[in-house]
Amino acid sequence: METGITCTSELVFWAMERISNDEMSDGLLELASLKKPSAYEALKLAHQAANELGIALPNESQLKLLIAKNIAENIISGKIDPNIGCLKIGELNQELGWPQELSGFGLLAHEQTDHEHIGITRASIIPDILKEANTLLKT
């Protein structure tokens, strides 16, 4: 069952996201209910869900991009501090090899520290983080 997917918690999130979009299958429900799944268990249920829904299983890059979009939604809704969310998306940006849709977060995450001497602070970049979050959600 080799897929190249190593992020089991992202598979659980993928299942929850599908369910929130009114997609249902036994595999999705079981996967979404897992607390600390083993890689084998998560992949087995993800494959089951994909087969039941007639869709392709997402790859690791697609899962991480989904997580980045969820973080962006949480930034906009105020559920997560914009600076913390930006740092998390910046990490995903690096893990994914700097994709275009996350590139702004890479720069903003970098600017959050050690740039006060040129007038850039964590507080001053919040409007830019919100703008990037909105842009990401439109992709």
C-alpha atoms as a PDB file:
ATOM      1  CA  MET A   1       0.000   0.000   0.000  1.00  0.00           C
ATOM      2  CA  GLU A   2       2.778   2.443  -0.964  1.00  0.00           C
ATOM      3  CA  THR A   3       1.491   5.970  -1.608  1.00  0.00           C
ATOM      4  CA  GLY A   4       4.277   8.275  -0.526  1.00  0.00           C
ATOM      5  CA  ILE A   5       1.946   9.680   2.134  1.00  0.00           C
ATOM      6  CA  THR A   6       3.552   9.878   5.555  1.00  0.00           C
ATOM      7  CA  CYS A   7       1.285  12.426   7.217  1.00  0.00           C
ATOM      8  CA  THR A   8      -1.429  10.354   8.858  1.00  0.00           C
ATOM      9  CA  SER A   9      -2.905  13.256  10.839  1.00  0.00           C
ATOM     10  CA  GLU A  10      -3.423  15.084   7.532  1.00  0.00           C
ATOM     11  CA  LEU A  11      -5.380  12.078   6.229  1.00  0.00           C
ATOM     12  CA  VAL A  12      -7.671  12.322   9.246  1.00  0.00           C
ATOM     13  CA  PHE A  13      -8.098  16.038   8.544  1.00  0.00           C
ATOM     14  CA  TRP A  14      -8.801  15.239   4.866  1.00  0.00           C
ATOM     15  CA  ALA A  15     -11.594  12.897   5.957  1.00  0.00           C
ATOM     16  CA  MET A  16     -13.090  15.503   8.286  1.00  0.00           C
ATOM     17  CA  GLU A  17     -12.921  18.108   5.523  1.00  0.00           C
ATOM     18  CA  ARG A  18     -14.721  15.809   3.069  1.00  0.00           C
ATOM     19  CA  ILE A  19     -17.430  15.085   5.640  1.00  0.00           C
ATOM     20  CA  SER A  20     -17.881  18.816   6.307  1.00  0.00           C
ATOM     21  CA  ASN A  21     -18.483  19.172   2.557  1.00  0.00           C
ATOM     22  CA  ASP A  22     -21.351  16.660   2.811  1.00  0.00           C
ATOM     23  CA  GLU A  23     -19.469  13.672   1.431  1.00  0.00           C
ATOM     24  CA  MET A  24     -20.082  10.441   3.308  1.00  0.00           C
ATOM     25  CA  SER A  25     -18.691   6.959   3.300  1.00  0.00           C
ATOM     26  CA  ASP A  26     -17.959   4.358   5.938  1.00  0.00           C
ATOM     27  CA  GLY A  27     -14.224   4.754   5.354  1.00  0.00           C
ATOM     28  CA  LEU A  28     -14.388   8.543   5.760  1.00  0.00           C
ATOM     29  CA  LEU A  29     -16.354   8.252   8.973  1.00  0.00           C
ATOM     30  CA  GLU A  30     -13.953   5.698  10.442  1.00  0.00           C
ATOM     31  CA  LEU A  31     -10.889   7.686   9.363  1.00  0.00           C
ATOM     32  CA  ALA A  32     -12.259  10.965  10.729  1.00  0.00           C
ATOM     33  CA  SER A  33     -12.919   9.344  14.096  1.00  0.00           C
ATOM     34  CA  LEU A  34      -9.336   8.172  14.628  1.00  0.00           C
ATOM     35  CA  LYS A  35      -7.448   9.903  17.446  1.00  0.00           C
ATOM     36  CA  LYS A  36      -3.875   8.631  16.964  1.00  0.00           C
ATOM     37  CA  PRO A  37      -3.896   6.362  13.926  1.00  0.00           C
ATOM     38  CA  SER A  38      -1.037   4.205  12.815  1.00  0.00           C
ATOM     39  CA  ALA A  39       0.159   4.925   9.286  1.00  0.00           C
ATOM     40  CA  TYR A  40      -1.169   1.559   8.133  1.00  0.00           C
ATOM     41  CA  GLU A  41      -4.608   2.111   9.679  1.00  0.00           C
ATOM     42  CA  ALA A  42      -4.952   5.640   8.273  1.00  0.00           C
ATOM     43  CA  LEU A  43      -3.841   4.634   4.784  1.00  0.00           C
ATOM     44  CA  LYS A  44      -6.099   1.583   4.760  1.00  0.00           C
ATOM     45  CA  LEU A  45      -9.145   3.683   5.678  1.00  0.00           C
ATOM     46  CA  ALA A  46      -8.159   6.482   3.283  1.00  0.00           C
ATOM     47  CA  HIS A  47      -7.946   3.976   0.431  1.00  0.00           C
ATOM     48  CA  GLN A  48     -11.311   2.543   1.463  1.00  0.00           C
ATOM     49  CA  ALA A  49     -12.858   6.030   1.531  1.00  0.00           C
ATOM     50  CA  ALA A  50     -11.386   6.968  -1.841  1.00  0.00           C
ATOM     51  CA  ASN A  51     -12.718   3.748  -3.377  1.00  0.00           C
ATOM     52  CA  GLU A  52     -16.156   4.262  -1.825  1.00  0.00           C
ATOM     53  CA  LEU A  53     -16.315   7.836  -3.143  1.00  0.00           C
ATOM     54  CA  GLY A  54     -14.820   7.008  -6.537  1.00  0.00           C
ATOM     55  CA  ILE A  55     -12.029   9.553  -6.146  1.00  0.00           C
ATOM     56  CA  ALA A  56      -8.261   9.452  -6.178  1.00  0.00           C
ATOM     57  CA  LEU A  57      -6.443   9.428  -2.874  1.00  0.00           C
ATOM     58  CA  PRO A  58      -4.745  12.804  -2.376  1.00  0.00           C
ATOM     59  CA  ASN A  59      -0.964  12.878  -2.327  1.00  0.00           C
ATOM     60  CA  GLU A  60       1.031  14.365   0.526  1.00  0.00           C
ATOM     61  CA  SER A  61       1.420  17.725  -1.228  1.00  0.00           C
ATOM     62  CA  GLN A  62      -2.324  18.022  -1.731  1.00  0.00           C
ATOM     63  CA  LEU A  63      -2.928  17.159   1.919  1.00  0.00           C
ATOM     64  CA  LYS A  64      -0.453  19.776   3.131  1.00  0.00           C
ATOM     65  CA  LEU A  65      -1.962  22.411   0.848  1.00  0.00           C
ATOM     66  CA  LEU A  66      -5.378  21.559   2.303  1.00  0.00           C
ATOM     67  CA  ILE A  67      -3.947  22.086   5.791  1.00  0.00           C
ATOM     68  CA  ALA A  68      -2.485  25.461   4.694  1.00  0.00           C
ATOM     69  CA  LYS A  69      -5.896  26.549   3.404  1.00  0.00           C
ATOM     70  CA  ASN A  70      -7.507  25.494   6.675  1.00  0.00           C
ATOM     71  CA  ILE A  71      -4.966  27.548   8.617  1.00  0.00           C
ATOM     72  CA  ALA A  72      -5.726  30.514   6.326  1.00  0.00           C
ATOM     73  CA  GLU A  73      -9.453  30.139   7.072  1.00  0.00           C
ATOM     74  CA  ASN A  74      -8.675  30.095  10.794  1.00  0.00           C
ATOM     75  CA  ILE A  75      -6.525  33.218  10.455  1.00  0.00           C
ATOM     76  CA  ILE A  76      -9.330  35.090   8.717  1.00  0.00           C
ATOM     77  CA  SER A  77     -11.992  33.912  11.172  1.00  0.00           C
ATOM     78  CA  GLY A  78      -9.835  34.900  14.144  1.00  0.00           C
ATOM     79  CA  LYS A  79      -9.495  31.354  15.472  1.00  0.00           C
ATOM     80  CA  ILE A  80      -5.706  31.514  15.211  1.00  0.00           C
ATOM     81  CA  ASP A  81      -3.251  34.354  15.721  1.00  0.00           C
ATOM     82  CA  PRO A  82      -2.209  35.603  12.248  1.00  0.00           C
ATOM     83  CA  ASN A  83       1.493  35.494  13.103  1.00  0.00           C
ATOM     84  CA  ILE A  84       1.340  31.918  14.381  1.00  0.00           C
ATOM     85  CA  GLY A  85      -0.726  30.821  11.394  1.00  0.00           C
ATOM     86  CA  CYS A  86       1.703  32.524   9.050  1.00  0.00           C
ATOM     87  CA  LEU A  87       4.617  30.668  10.622  1.00  0.00           C
ATOM     88  CA  LYS A  88       2.785  27.339  10.235  1.00  0.00           C
ATOM     89  CA  ILE A  89       1.981  28.011   6.586  1.00  0.00           C
ATOM     90  CA  GLY A  90       5.570  29.187   6.099  1.00  0.00           C
ATOM     91  CA  GLU A  91       6.753  25.795   7.369  1.00  0.00           C
ATOM     92  CA  LEU A  92       4.386  24.009   4.994  1.00  0.00           C
ATOM     93  CA  ASN A  93       5.671  26.248   2.200  1.00  0.00           C
ATOM     94  CA  GLN A  94       9.206  25.053   2.869  1.00  0.00           C
ATOM     95  CA  GLU A  95       8.161  21.384   3.180  1.00  0.00           C
ATOM     96  CA  LEU A  96       6.368  21.610  -0.175  1.00  0.00           C
ATOM     97  CA  GLY A  97       9.360  23.121  -1.958  1.00  0.00           C
ATOM     98  CA  TRP A  98       8.141  26.724  -2.080  1.00  0.00           C
ATOM     99  CA  PRO A  99       4.985  26.484  -4.254  1.00  0.00           C
ATOM    100  CA  GLN A 100       3.737  29.731  -5.768  1.00  0.00           C
ATOM    101  CA  GLU A 101       0.444  29.770  -3.845  1.00  0.00           C
ATOM    102  CA  LEU A 102       2.299  29.790  -0.498  1.00  0.00           C
ATOM    103  CA  SER A 103       5.275  31.956  -1.439  1.00  0.00           C
ATOM    104  CA  GLY A 104       3.901  35.098   0.223  1.00  0.00           C
ATOM    105  CA  PHE A 105       3.693  33.266   3.530  1.00  0.00           C
ATOM    106  CA  GLY A 106       7.331  32.233   3.234  1.00  0.00           C
ATOM    107  CA  LEU A 107       8.372  35.866   2.968  1.00  0.00           C
ATOM    108  CA  LEU A 108       6.016  37.057   5.702  1.00  0.00           C
ATOM    109  CA  ALA A 109       7.127  34.293   8.072  1.00  0.00           C
ATOM    110  CA  HIS A 110      10.722  35.380   7.514  1.00  0.00           C
ATOM    111  CA  GLU A 111       9.889  39.049   8.130  1.00  0.00           C
ATOM    112  CA  GLN A 112       8.339  38.372  11.534  1.00  0.00           C
ATOM    113  CA  THR A 113      11.631  38.490  13.396  1.00  0.00           C
ATOM    114  CA  ASP A 114      14.796  40.563  13.317  1.00  0.00           C
ATOM    115  CA  HIS A 115      13.423  43.221  10.983  1.00  0.00           C
ATOM    116  CA  GLU A 116      12.346  45.749  13.571  1.00  0.00           C
ATOM    117  CA  HIS A 117      15.354  47.930  12.723  1.00  0.00           C
ATOM    118  CA  ILE A 118      13.783  48.625   9.322  1.00  0.00           C
ATOM    119  CA  GLY A 119      10.279  49.120  10.702  1.00  0.00           C
ATOM    120  CA  ILE A 120       8.798  45.648  10.127  1.00  0.00           C
ATOM    121  CA  THR A 121       7.176  44.102  13.173  1.00  0.00           C
ATOM    122  CA  ARG A 122       4.882  41.163  13.828  1.00  0.00           C
ATOM    123  CA  ALA A 123       2.011  43.591  14.309  1.00  0.00           C
ATOM    124  CA  SER A 124       2.761  45.621  11.181  1.00  0.00           C
ATOM    125  CA  ILE A 125       2.548  42.615   8.849  1.00  0.00           C
ATOM    126  CA  ILE A 126      -0.835  41.347  10.078  1.00  0.00           C
ATOM    127  CA  PRO A 127      -2.725  43.146   7.254  1.00  0.00           C
ATOM    128  CA  ASP A 128      -0.391  41.467   4.741  1.00  0.00           C
ATOM    129  CA  ILE A 129      -0.957  38.071   6.367  1.00  0.00           C
ATOM    130  CA  LEU A 130      -4.729  38.559   6.141  1.00  0.00           C
ATOM    131  CA  LYS A 131      -4.393  39.561   2.497  1.00  0.00           C
ATOM    132  CA  GLU A 132      -2.292  36.447   1.722  1.00  0.00           C
ATOM    133  CA  ALA A 133      -4.792  34.239   3.568  1.00  0.00           C
ATOM    134  CA  ASN A 134      -7.633  35.611   1.439  1.00  0.00           C
ATOM    135  CA  THR A 135      -5.583  35.129  -1.728  1.00  0.00           C
ATOM    136  CA  LEU A 136      -4.764  31.525  -0.801  1.00  0.00           C
ATOM    137  CA  LEU A 137      -8.424  30.705  -0.255  1.00  0.00           C
ATOM    138  CA  LYS A 138      -9.221  31.910  -3.762  1.00  0.00           C
ATOM    139  CA  THR A 139      -6.836  29.367  -5.337  1.00  0.00           C
END
